[in-house]
Amino acid sequence: MDNKSYLTDKSKRLLKFRKEHDKPMAGVDLSRGAEVRAPAIYKTLNDLINYGLVERAKDIETTIVGKDGVEQKKTYKSFQLTEAGRKLVID
């Protein structure tokens, strides 16, 4: 896939952000960092997975403190670039 016309503006923003921060990240962090609204981030990630540019990584587990002050463990899906995603040059 050398013709990048299949990439949307959201896909390009997400890939550029991933290249700057090449480590597994949760979708919520990718949404904030790439400035792609939360509802669209998973569709964009799925498109990039289908193109072979992004892949699922090991889930990220973290502890959060709820409004009630109680700590709870939360698991997030994590994503990372594939080798093809790292090599892709984006305008």
PDB file of N, CA and C in Angstrom:
ATOM      1  N   MET A   1       0.832  -1.181   0.000  1.00  0.00           N
ATOM      2  CA  MET A   1       0.000   0.000   0.000  1.00  0.00           C
ATOM      3  C   MET A   1       0.877   1.245   0.000  1.00  0.00           C
ATOM      4  N   ASP A   2       1.415   1.628  -1.134  1.00  0.00           N
ATOM      5  CA  ASP A   2       2.243   2.809  -1.140  1.00  0.00           C
ATOM      6  C   ASP A   2       1.430   4.069  -1.416  1.00  0.00           C
ATOM      7  N   ASN A   3       0.223   3.959  -1.956  1.00  0.00           N
ATOM      8  CA  ASN A   3      -0.635   5.112  -2.155  1.00  0.00           C
ATOM      9  C   ASN A   3      -1.405   5.333  -0.858  1.00  0.00           C
ATOM     10  N   LYS A   4      -1.126   6.448  -0.182  1.00  0.00           N
ATOM     11  CA  LYS A   4      -1.720   6.698   1.134  1.00  0.00           C
ATOM     12  C   LYS A   4      -3.066   7.405   1.050  1.00  0.00           C
ATOM     13  N   SER A   5      -3.714   7.403  -0.117  1.00  0.00           N
ATOM     14  CA  SER A   5      -4.995   8.087  -0.274  1.00  0.00           C
ATOM     15  C   SER A   5      -6.090   7.440   0.569  1.00  0.00           C
ATOM     16  N   TYR A   6      -5.886   6.204   1.014  1.00  0.00           N
ATOM     17  CA  TYR A   6      -6.864   5.510   1.846  1.00  0.00           C
ATOM     18  C   TYR A   6      -6.874   6.039   3.279  1.00  0.00           C
ATOM     19  N   LEU A   7      -5.883   6.844   3.671  1.00  0.00           N
ATOM     20  CA  LEU A   7      -5.812   7.362   5.035  1.00  0.00           C
ATOM     21  C   LEU A   7      -6.649   8.630   5.174  1.00  0.00           C
ATOM     22  N   THR A   8      -7.495   8.657   6.189  1.00  0.00           N
ATOM     23  CA  THR A   8      -8.281   9.858   6.485  1.00  0.00           C
ATOM     24  C   THR A   8      -7.422  10.838   7.277  1.00  0.00           C
ATOM     25  N   ASP A   9      -7.910  12.046   7.458  1.00  0.00           N
ATOM     26  CA  ASP A   9      -7.192  13.025   8.275  1.00  0.00           C
ATOM     27  C   ASP A   9      -7.014  12.501   9.698  1.00  0.00           C
ATOM     28  N   LYS A  10      -8.044  11.848  10.231  1.00  0.00           N
ATOM     29  CA  LYS A  10      -7.959  11.281  11.588  1.00  0.00           C
ATOM     30  C   LYS A  10      -6.879  10.210  11.646  1.00  0.00           C
ATOM     31  N   SER A  11      -6.834   9.355  10.614  1.00  0.00           N
ATOM     32  CA  SER A  11      -5.817   8.298  10.574  1.00  0.00           C
ATOM     33  C   SER A  11      -4.420   8.893  10.532  1.00  0.00           C
ATOM     34  N   LYS A  12      -4.239   9.922   9.735  1.00  0.00           N
ATOM     35  CA  LYS A  12      -2.926  10.571   9.628  1.00  0.00           C
ATOM     36  C   LYS A  12      -2.520  11.207  10.953  1.00  0.00           C
ATOM     37  N   ARG A  13      -3.464  11.904  11.618  1.00  0.00           N
ATOM     38  CA  ARG A  13      -3.154  12.513  12.924  1.00  0.00           C
ATOM     39  C   ARG A  13      -2.762  11.443  13.935  1.00  0.00           C
ATOM     40  N   LEU A  14      -3.512  10.345  13.930  1.00  0.00           N
ATOM     41  CA  LEU A  14      -3.239   9.264  14.871  1.00  0.00           C
ATOM     42  C   LEU A  14      -1.875   8.629  14.597  1.00  0.00           C
ATOM     43  N   LEU A  15      -1.570   8.372  13.338  1.00  0.00           N
ATOM     44  CA  LEU A  15      -0.265   7.786  12.988  1.00  0.00           C
ATOM     45  C   LEU A  15       0.887   8.723  13.337  1.00  0.00           C
ATOM     46  N   LYS A  16       0.730  10.007  13.055  1.00  0.00           N
ATOM     47  CA  LYS A  16       1.785  10.971  13.398  1.00  0.00           C
ATOM     48  C   LYS A  16       2.028  10.979  14.903  1.00  0.00           C
ATOM     49  N   PHE A  17       0.943  10.999  15.686  1.00  0.00           N
ATOM     50  CA  PHE A  17       1.077  10.972  17.143  1.00  0.00           C
ATOM     51  C   PHE A  17       1.759   9.686  17.600  1.00  0.00           C
ATOM     52  N   ARG A  18       1.369   8.550  17.019  1.00  0.00           N
ATOM     53  CA  ARG A  18       1.964   7.260  17.400  1.00  0.00           C
ATOM     54  C   ARG A  18       3.446   7.230  17.088  1.00  0.00           C
ATOM     55  N   LYS A  19       3.842   7.825  15.959  1.00  0.00           N
ATOM     56  CA  LYS A  19       5.261   7.834  15.603  1.00  0.00           C
ATOM     57  C   LYS A  19       6.065   8.665  16.613  1.00  0.00           C
ATOM     58  N   GLU A  20       5.471   9.723  17.127  1.00  0.00           N
ATOM     59  CA  GLU A  20       6.138  10.560  18.130  1.00  0.00           C
ATOM     60  C   GLU A  20       6.177   9.874  19.492  1.00  0.00           C
ATOM     61  N   HIS A  21       5.243   8.983  19.745  1.00  0.00           N
ATOM     62  CA  HIS A  21       5.110   8.289  21.035  1.00  0.00           C
ATOM     63  C   HIS A  21       4.965   6.796  20.742  1.00  0.00           C
ATOM     64  N   ASP A  22       6.045   6.169  20.327  1.00  0.00           N
ATOM     65  CA  ASP A  22       6.010   4.773  19.866  1.00  0.00           C
ATOM     66  C   ASP A  22       6.114   3.809  21.038  1.00  0.00           C
ATOM     67  N   LYS A  23       5.001   3.659  21.735  1.00  0.00           N
ATOM     68  CA  LYS A  23       4.880   2.693  22.829  1.00  0.00           C
ATOM     69  C   LYS A  23       3.415   2.309  22.910  1.00  0.00           C
ATOM     70  N   PRO A  24       3.102   1.155  23.482  1.00  0.00           N
ATOM     71  CA  PRO A  24       1.688   0.785  23.616  1.00  0.00           C
ATOM     72  C   PRO A  24       0.929   1.841  24.414  1.00  0.00           C
ATOM     73  N   MET A  25      -0.242   2.218  23.928  1.00  0.00           N
ATOM     74  CA  MET A  25      -1.071   3.221  24.598  1.00  0.00           C
ATOM     75  C   MET A  25      -2.526   2.803  24.539  1.00  0.00           C
ATOM     76  N   ALA A  26      -3.260   3.212  25.544  1.00  0.00           N
ATOM     77  CA  ALA A  26      -4.700   2.961  25.588  1.00  0.00           C
ATOM     78  C   ALA A  26      -5.414   3.900  24.621  1.00  0.00           C
ATOM     79  N   GLY A  27      -6.564   3.461  24.123  1.00  0.00           N
ATOM     80  CA  GLY A  27      -7.342   4.266  23.196  1.00  0.00           C
ATOM     81  C   GLY A  27      -7.677   5.644  23.737  1.00  0.00           C
ATOM     82  N   VAL A  28      -7.988   5.738  25.020  1.00  0.00           N
ATOM     83  CA  VAL A  28      -8.343   7.021  25.624  1.00  0.00           C
ATOM     84  C   VAL A  28      -7.158   7.994  25.548  1.00  0.00           C
ATOM     85  N   ASP A  29      -5.946   7.516  25.755  1.00  0.00           N
ATOM     86  CA  ASP A  29      -4.758   8.367  25.663  1.00  0.00           C
ATOM     87  C   ASP A  29      -4.467   8.747  24.216  1.00  0.00           C
ATOM     88  N   LEU A  30      -4.693   7.822  23.303  1.00  0.00           N
ATOM     89  CA  LEU A  30      -4.514   8.119  21.882  1.00  0.00           C
ATOM     90  C   LEU A  30      -5.513   9.174  21.428  1.00  0.00           C
ATOM     91  N   SER A  31      -6.737   9.071  21.916  1.00  0.00           N
ATOM     92  CA  SER A  31      -7.778  10.028  21.566  1.00  0.00           C
ATOM     93  C   SER A  31      -7.363  11.436  21.973  1.00  0.00           C
ATOM     94  N   ARG A  32      -6.882  11.581  23.184  1.00  0.00           N
ATOM     95  CA  ARG A  32      -6.446  12.898  23.676  1.00  0.00           C
ATOM     96  C   ARG A  32      -5.225  13.397  22.925  1.00  0.00           C
ATOM     97  N   GLY A  33      -4.238  12.547  22.780  1.00  0.00           N
ATOM     98  CA  GLY A  33      -2.971  12.954  22.172  1.00  0.00           C
ATOM     99  C   GLY A  33      -3.069  13.282  20.700  1.00  0.00           C
ATOM    100  N   ALA A  34      -3.872  12.526  19.970  1.00  0.00           N
ATOM    101  CA  ALA A  34      -3.996  12.735  18.522  1.00  0.00           C
ATOM    102  C   ALA A  34      -5.154  13.671  18.185  1.00  0.00           C
ATOM    103  N   GLU A  35      -5.864  14.114  19.208  1.00  0.00           N
ATOM    104  CA  GLU A  35      -7.014  14.994  19.033  1.00  0.00           C
ATOM    105  C   GLU A  35      -8.054  14.393  18.089  1.00  0.00           C
ATOM    106  N   VAL A  36      -8.352  13.119  18.348  1.00  0.00           N
ATOM    107  CA  VAL A  36      -9.418  12.411  17.637  1.00  0.00           C
ATOM    108  C   VAL A  36     -10.482  12.112  18.683  1.00  0.00           C
ATOM    109  N   ARG A  37     -11.693  12.567  18.448  1.00  0.00           N
ATOM    110  CA  ARG A  37     -12.756  12.403  19.443  1.00  0.00           C
ATOM    111  C   ARG A  37     -12.932  10.936  19.825  1.00  0.00           C
ATOM    112  N   ALA A  38     -13.248  10.726  21.080  1.00  0.00           N
ATOM    113  CA  ALA A  38     -13.358   9.377  21.632  1.00  0.00           C
ATOM    114  C   ALA A  38     -14.260   8.441  20.823  1.00  0.00           C
ATOM    115  N   PRO A  39     -15.444   8.883  20.375  1.00  0.00           N
ATOM    116  CA  PRO A  39     -16.274   7.936  19.615  1.00  0.00           C
ATOM    117  C   PRO A  39     -15.616   7.460  18.317  1.00  0.00           C
ATOM    118  N   ALA A  40     -14.753   8.274  17.733  1.00  0.00           N
ATOM    119  CA  ALA A  40     -14.146   7.933  16.440  1.00  0.00           C
ATOM    120  C   ALA A  40     -12.829   7.177  16.576  1.00  0.00           C
ATOM    121  N   ILE A  41     -12.242   7.179  17.760  1.00  0.00           N
ATOM    122  CA  ILE A  41     -10.887   6.628  17.903  1.00  0.00           C
ATOM    123  C   ILE A  41     -10.859   5.134  17.596  1.00  0.00           C
ATOM    124  N   TYR A  42     -11.843   4.381  18.034  1.00  0.00           N
ATOM    125  CA  TYR A  42     -11.794   2.930  17.837  1.00  0.00           C
ATOM    126  C   TYR A  42     -12.083   2.542  16.389  1.00  0.00           C
ATOM    127  N   LYS A  43     -12.935   3.286  15.696  1.00  0.00           N
ATOM    128  CA  LYS A  43     -13.136   3.038  14.270  1.00  0.00           C
ATOM    129  C   LYS A  43     -11.844   3.345  13.513  1.00  0.00           C
ATOM    130  N   THR A  44     -11.204   4.446  13.870  1.00  0.00           N
ATOM    131  CA  THR A  44      -9.943   4.819  13.231  1.00  0.00           C
ATOM    132  C   THR A  44      -8.875   3.765  13.504  1.00  0.00           C
ATOM    133  N   LEU A  45      -8.772   3.307  14.748  1.00  0.00           N
ATOM    134  CA  LEU A  45      -7.804   2.263  15.090  1.00  0.00           C
ATOM    135  C   LEU A  45      -8.110   0.970  14.334  1.00  0.00           C
ATOM    136  N   ASN A  46      -9.378   0.595  14.248  1.00  0.00           N
ATOM    137  CA  ASN A  46      -9.743  -0.625  13.508  1.00  0.00           C
ATOM    138  C   ASN A  46      -9.362  -0.515  12.041  1.00  0.00           C
ATOM    139  N   ASP A  47      -9.580   0.663  11.442  1.00  0.00           N
ATOM    140  CA  ASP A  47      -9.157   0.865  10.049  1.00  0.00           C
ATOM    141  C   ASP A  47      -7.648   0.673   9.915  1.00  0.00           C
ATOM    142  N   LEU A  48      -6.892   1.265  10.839  1.00  0.00           N
ATOM    143  CA  LEU A  48      -5.425   1.154  10.787  1.00  0.00           C
ATOM    144  C   LEU A  48      -4.960  -0.282  11.040  1.00  0.00           C
ATOM    145  N   ILE A  49      -5.677  -1.005  11.877  1.00  0.00           N
ATOM    146  CA  ILE A  49      -5.371  -2.430  12.088  1.00  0.00           C
ATOM    147  C   ILE A  49      -5.606  -3.198  10.790  1.00  0.00           C
ATOM    148  N   ASN A  50      -6.722  -2.915  10.129  1.00  0.00           N
ATOM    149  CA  ASN A  50      -7.031  -3.587   8.860  1.00  0.00           C
ATOM    150  C   ASN A  50      -5.996  -3.270   7.776  1.00  0.00           C
ATOM    151  N   TYR A  51      -5.408  -2.085   7.814  1.00  0.00           N
ATOM    152  CA  TYR A  51      -4.361  -1.707   6.852  1.00  0.00           C
ATOM    153  C   TYR A  51      -2.995  -2.273   7.248  1.00  0.00           C
ATOM    154  N   GLY A  52      -2.907  -2.895   8.443  1.00  0.00           N
ATOM    155  CA  GLY A  52      -1.645  -3.482   8.888  1.00  0.00           C
ATOM    156  C   GLY A  52      -0.666  -2.472   9.456  1.00  0.00           C
ATOM    157  N   LEU A  53      -1.160  -1.301   9.888  1.00  0.00           N
ATOM    158  CA  LEU A  53      -0.288  -0.236  10.385  1.00  0.00           C
ATOM    159  C   LEU A  53      -0.260  -0.164  11.913  1.00  0.00           C
ATOM    160  N   VAL A  54      -1.293  -0.696  12.558  1.00  0.00           N
ATOM    161  CA  VAL A  54      -1.423  -0.702  14.021  1.00  0.00           C
ATOM    162  C   VAL A  54      -1.870  -2.095  14.430  1.00  0.00           C
ATOM    163  N   GLU A  55      -1.488  -2.503  15.645  1.00  0.00           N
ATOM    164  CA  GLU A  55      -1.931  -3.797  16.166  1.00  0.00           C
ATOM    165  C   GLU A  55      -2.266  -3.668  17.640  1.00  0.00           C
ATOM    166  N   ARG A  56      -3.070  -4.615  18.119  1.00  0.00           N
ATOM    167  CA  ARG A  56      -3.367  -4.657  19.554  1.00  0.00           C
ATOM    168  C   ARG A  56      -2.107  -5.037  20.302  1.00  0.00           C
ATOM    169  N   ALA A  57      -1.926  -4.440  21.454  1.00  0.00           N
ATOM    170  CA  ALA A  57      -0.814  -4.775  22.340  1.00  0.00           C
ATOM    171  C   ALA A  57      -1.413  -5.324  23.634  1.00  0.00           C
ATOM    172  N   LYS A  58      -0.549  -5.654  24.551  1.00  0.00           N
ATOM    173  CA  LYS A  58      -0.993  -6.161  25.852  1.00  0.00           C
ATOM    174  C   LYS A  58      -1.853  -5.100  26.544  1.00  0.00           C
ATOM    175  N   ASP A  59      -2.956  -5.533  27.159  1.00  0.00           N
ATOM    176  CA  ASP A  59      -3.819  -4.603  27.878  1.00  0.00           C
ATOM    177  C   ASP A  59      -3.042  -3.876  28.971  1.00  0.00           C
ATOM    178  N   ILE A  60      -3.443  -2.645  29.219  1.00  0.00           N
ATOM    179  CA  ILE A  60      -2.819  -1.829  30.260  1.00  0.00           C
ATOM    180  C   ILE A  60      -3.744  -1.836  31.472  1.00  0.00           C
ATOM    181  N   GLU A  61      -3.195  -2.189  32.625  1.00  0.00           N
ATOM    182  CA  GLU A  61      -3.988  -2.183  33.859  1.00  0.00           C
ATOM    183  C   GLU A  61      -3.488  -1.054  34.742  1.00  0.00           C
ATOM    184  N   THR A  62      -4.407  -0.284  35.265  1.00  0.00           N
ATOM    185  CA  THR A  62      -4.044   0.831  36.129  1.00  0.00           C
ATOM    186  C   THR A  62      -5.030   0.915  37.286  1.00  0.00           C
ATOM    187  N   THR A  63      -4.657   1.630  38.298  1.00  0.00           N
ATOM    188  CA  THR A  63      -5.540   1.845  39.435  1.00  0.00           C
ATOM    189  C   THR A  63      -6.053   3.277  39.364  1.00  0.00           C
ATOM    190  N   ILE A  64      -7.364   3.428  39.446  1.00  0.00           N
ATOM    191  CA  ILE A  64      -7.958   4.757  39.441  1.00  0.00           C
ATOM    192  C   ILE A  64      -8.703   4.962  40.753  1.00  0.00           C
ATOM    193  N   VAL A  65      -8.890   6.221  41.103  1.00  0.00           N
ATOM    194  CA  VAL A  65      -9.647   6.555  42.306  1.00  0.00           C
ATOM    195  C   VAL A  65     -10.959   7.164  41.844  1.00  0.00           C
ATOM    196  N   GLY A  66     -12.056   6.536  42.225  1.00  0.00           N
ATOM    197  CA  GLY A  66     -13.378   7.009  41.835  1.00  0.00           C
ATOM    198  C   GLY A  66     -13.786   8.254  42.598  1.00  0.00           C
ATOM    199  N   LYS A  67     -14.914   8.829  42.213  1.00  0.00           N
ATOM    200  CA  LYS A  67     -15.431  10.019  42.887  1.00  0.00           C
ATOM    201  C   LYS A  67     -15.698   9.770  44.359  1.00  0.00           C
ATOM    202  N   ASP A  68     -15.959   8.515  44.681  1.00  0.00           N
ATOM    203  CA  ASP A  68     -16.220   8.161  46.077  1.00  0.00           C
ATOM    204  C   ASP A  68     -14.935   7.933  46.878  1.00  0.00           C
ATOM    205  N   GLY A  69     -13.776   8.101  46.220  1.00  0.00           N
ATOM    206  CA  GLY A  69     -12.492   7.946  46.888  1.00  0.00           C
ATOM    207  C   GLY A  69     -11.989   6.517  46.963  1.00  0.00           C
ATOM    208  N   VAL A  70     -12.724   5.584  46.382  1.00  0.00           N
ATOM    209  CA  VAL A  70     -12.350   4.177  46.432  1.00  0.00           C
ATOM    210  C   VAL A  70     -11.484   3.836  45.213  1.00  0.00           C
ATOM    211  N   GLU A  71     -10.354   3.186  45.478  1.00  0.00           N
ATOM    212  CA  GLU A  71      -9.468   2.755  44.396  1.00  0.00           C
ATOM    213  C   GLU A  71     -10.040   1.509  43.725  1.00  0.00           C
ATOM    214  N   GLN A  72      -9.893   1.463  42.406  1.00  0.00           N
ATOM    215  CA  GLN A  72     -10.307   0.270  41.683  1.00  0.00           C
ATOM    216  C   GLN A  72      -9.375   0.063  40.493  1.00  0.00           C
ATOM    217  N   LYS A  73      -9.197  -1.205  40.138  1.00  0.00           N
ATOM    218  CA  LYS A  73      -8.353  -1.535  38.988  1.00  0.00           C
ATOM    219  C   LYS A  73      -9.177  -1.383  37.718  1.00  0.00           C
ATOM    220  N   LYS A  74      -8.556  -0.826  36.694  1.00  0.00           N
ATOM    221  CA  LYS A  74      -9.203  -0.606  35.406  1.00  0.00           C
ATOM    222  C   LYS A  74      -8.283  -1.144  34.322  1.00  0.00           C
ATOM    223  N   THR A  75      -8.826  -1.881  33.365  1.00  0.00           N
ATOM    224  CA  THR A  75      -8.049  -2.446  32.263  1.00  0.00           C
ATOM    225  C   THR A  75      -8.462  -1.761  30.964  1.00  0.00           C
ATOM    226  N   TYR A  76      -7.460  -1.326  30.204  1.00  0.00           N
ATOM    227  CA  TYR A  76      -7.697  -0.652  28.931  1.00  0.00           C
ATOM    228  C   TYR A  76      -7.074  -1.449  27.800  1.00  0.00           C
ATOM    229  N   LYS A  77      -7.747  -1.470  26.639  1.00  0.00           N
ATOM    230  CA  LYS A  77      -7.146  -2.049  25.446  1.00  0.00           C
ATOM    231  C   LYS A  77      -5.976  -1.158  25.055  1.00  0.00           C
ATOM    232  N   SER A  78      -4.926  -1.784  24.555  1.00  0.00           N
ATOM    233  CA  SER A  78      -3.720  -1.050  24.192  1.00  0.00           C
ATOM    234  C   SER A  78      -3.375  -1.321  22.735  1.00  0.00           C
ATOM    235  N   PHE A  79      -2.766  -0.333  22.085  1.00  0.00           N
ATOM    236  CA  PHE A  79      -2.440  -0.420  20.665  1.00  0.00           C
ATOM    237  C   PHE A  79      -1.024   0.066  20.432  1.00  0.00           C
ATOM    238  N   GLN A  80      -0.384  -0.485  19.405  1.00  0.00           N
ATOM    239  CA  GLN A  80       0.975  -0.067  19.053  1.00  0.00           C
ATOM    240  C   GLN A  80       1.140  -0.132  17.539  1.00  0.00           C
ATOM    241  N   LEU A  81       2.161   0.564  17.035  1.00  0.00           N
ATOM    242  CA  LEU A  81       2.452   0.537  15.610  1.00  0.00           C
ATOM    243  C   LEU A  81       3.033  -0.805  15.202  1.00  0.00           C
ATOM    244  N   THR A  82       2.741  -1.232  13.989  1.00  0.00           N
ATOM    245  CA  THR A  82       3.426  -2.384  13.406  1.00  0.00           C
ATOM    246  C   THR A  82       4.690  -1.856  12.735  1.00  0.00           C
ATOM    247  N   GLU A  83       5.509  -2.741  12.239  1.00  0.00           N
ATOM    248  CA  GLU A  83       6.712  -2.316  11.522  1.00  0.00           C
ATOM    249  C   GLU A  83       6.324  -1.494  10.286  1.00  0.00           C
ATOM    250  N   ALA A  84       5.252  -1.898   9.602  1.00  0.00           N
ATOM    251  CA  ALA A  84       4.781  -1.144   8.436  1.00  0.00           C
ATOM    252  C   ALA A  84       4.322   0.258   8.836  1.00  0.00           C
ATOM    253  N   GLY A  85       3.684   0.370   9.993  1.00  0.00           N
ATOM    254  CA  GLY A  85       3.252   1.669  10.500  1.00  0.00           C
ATOM    255  C   GLY A  85       4.428   2.563  10.830  1.00  0.00           C
ATOM    256  N   ARG A  86       5.490   1.984  11.371  1.00  0.00           N
ATOM    257  CA  ARG A  86       6.688   2.756  11.697  1.00  0.00           C
ATOM    258  C   ARG A  86       7.379   3.263  10.435  1.00  0.00           C
ATOM    259  N   LYS A  87       7.351   2.458   9.385  1.00  0.00           N
ATOM    260  CA  LYS A  87       8.072   2.797   8.148  1.00  0.00           C
ATOM    261  C   LYS A  87       7.281   3.758   7.244  1.00  0.00           C
ATOM    262  N   LEU A  88       5.973   3.821   7.427  1.00  0.00           N
ATOM    263  CA  LEU A  88       5.140   4.647   6.555  1.00  0.00           C
ATOM    264  C   LEU A  88       5.495   6.117   6.699  1.00  0.00           C
ATOM    265  N   VAL A  89       5.731   6.797   5.603  1.00  0.00           N
ATOM    266  CA  VAL A  89       6.015   8.231   5.615  1.00  0.00           C
ATOM    267  C   VAL A  89       4.691   8.961   5.381  1.00  0.00           C
ATOM    268  N   ILE A  90       4.364   9.868   6.300  1.00  0.00           N
ATOM    269  CA  ILE A  90       3.107  10.602   6.225  1.00  0.00           C
ATOM    270  C   ILE A  90       3.409  12.065   5.915  1.00  0.00           C
ATOM    271  N   ASP A  91       2.665  12.600   4.970  1.00  0.00           N
ATOM    272  CA  ASP A  91       2.869  13.999   4.559  1.00  0.00           C
ATOM    273  C   ASP A  91       2.499  14.959   5.656  1.00  0.00           C
TER     274      ASP A  91
END
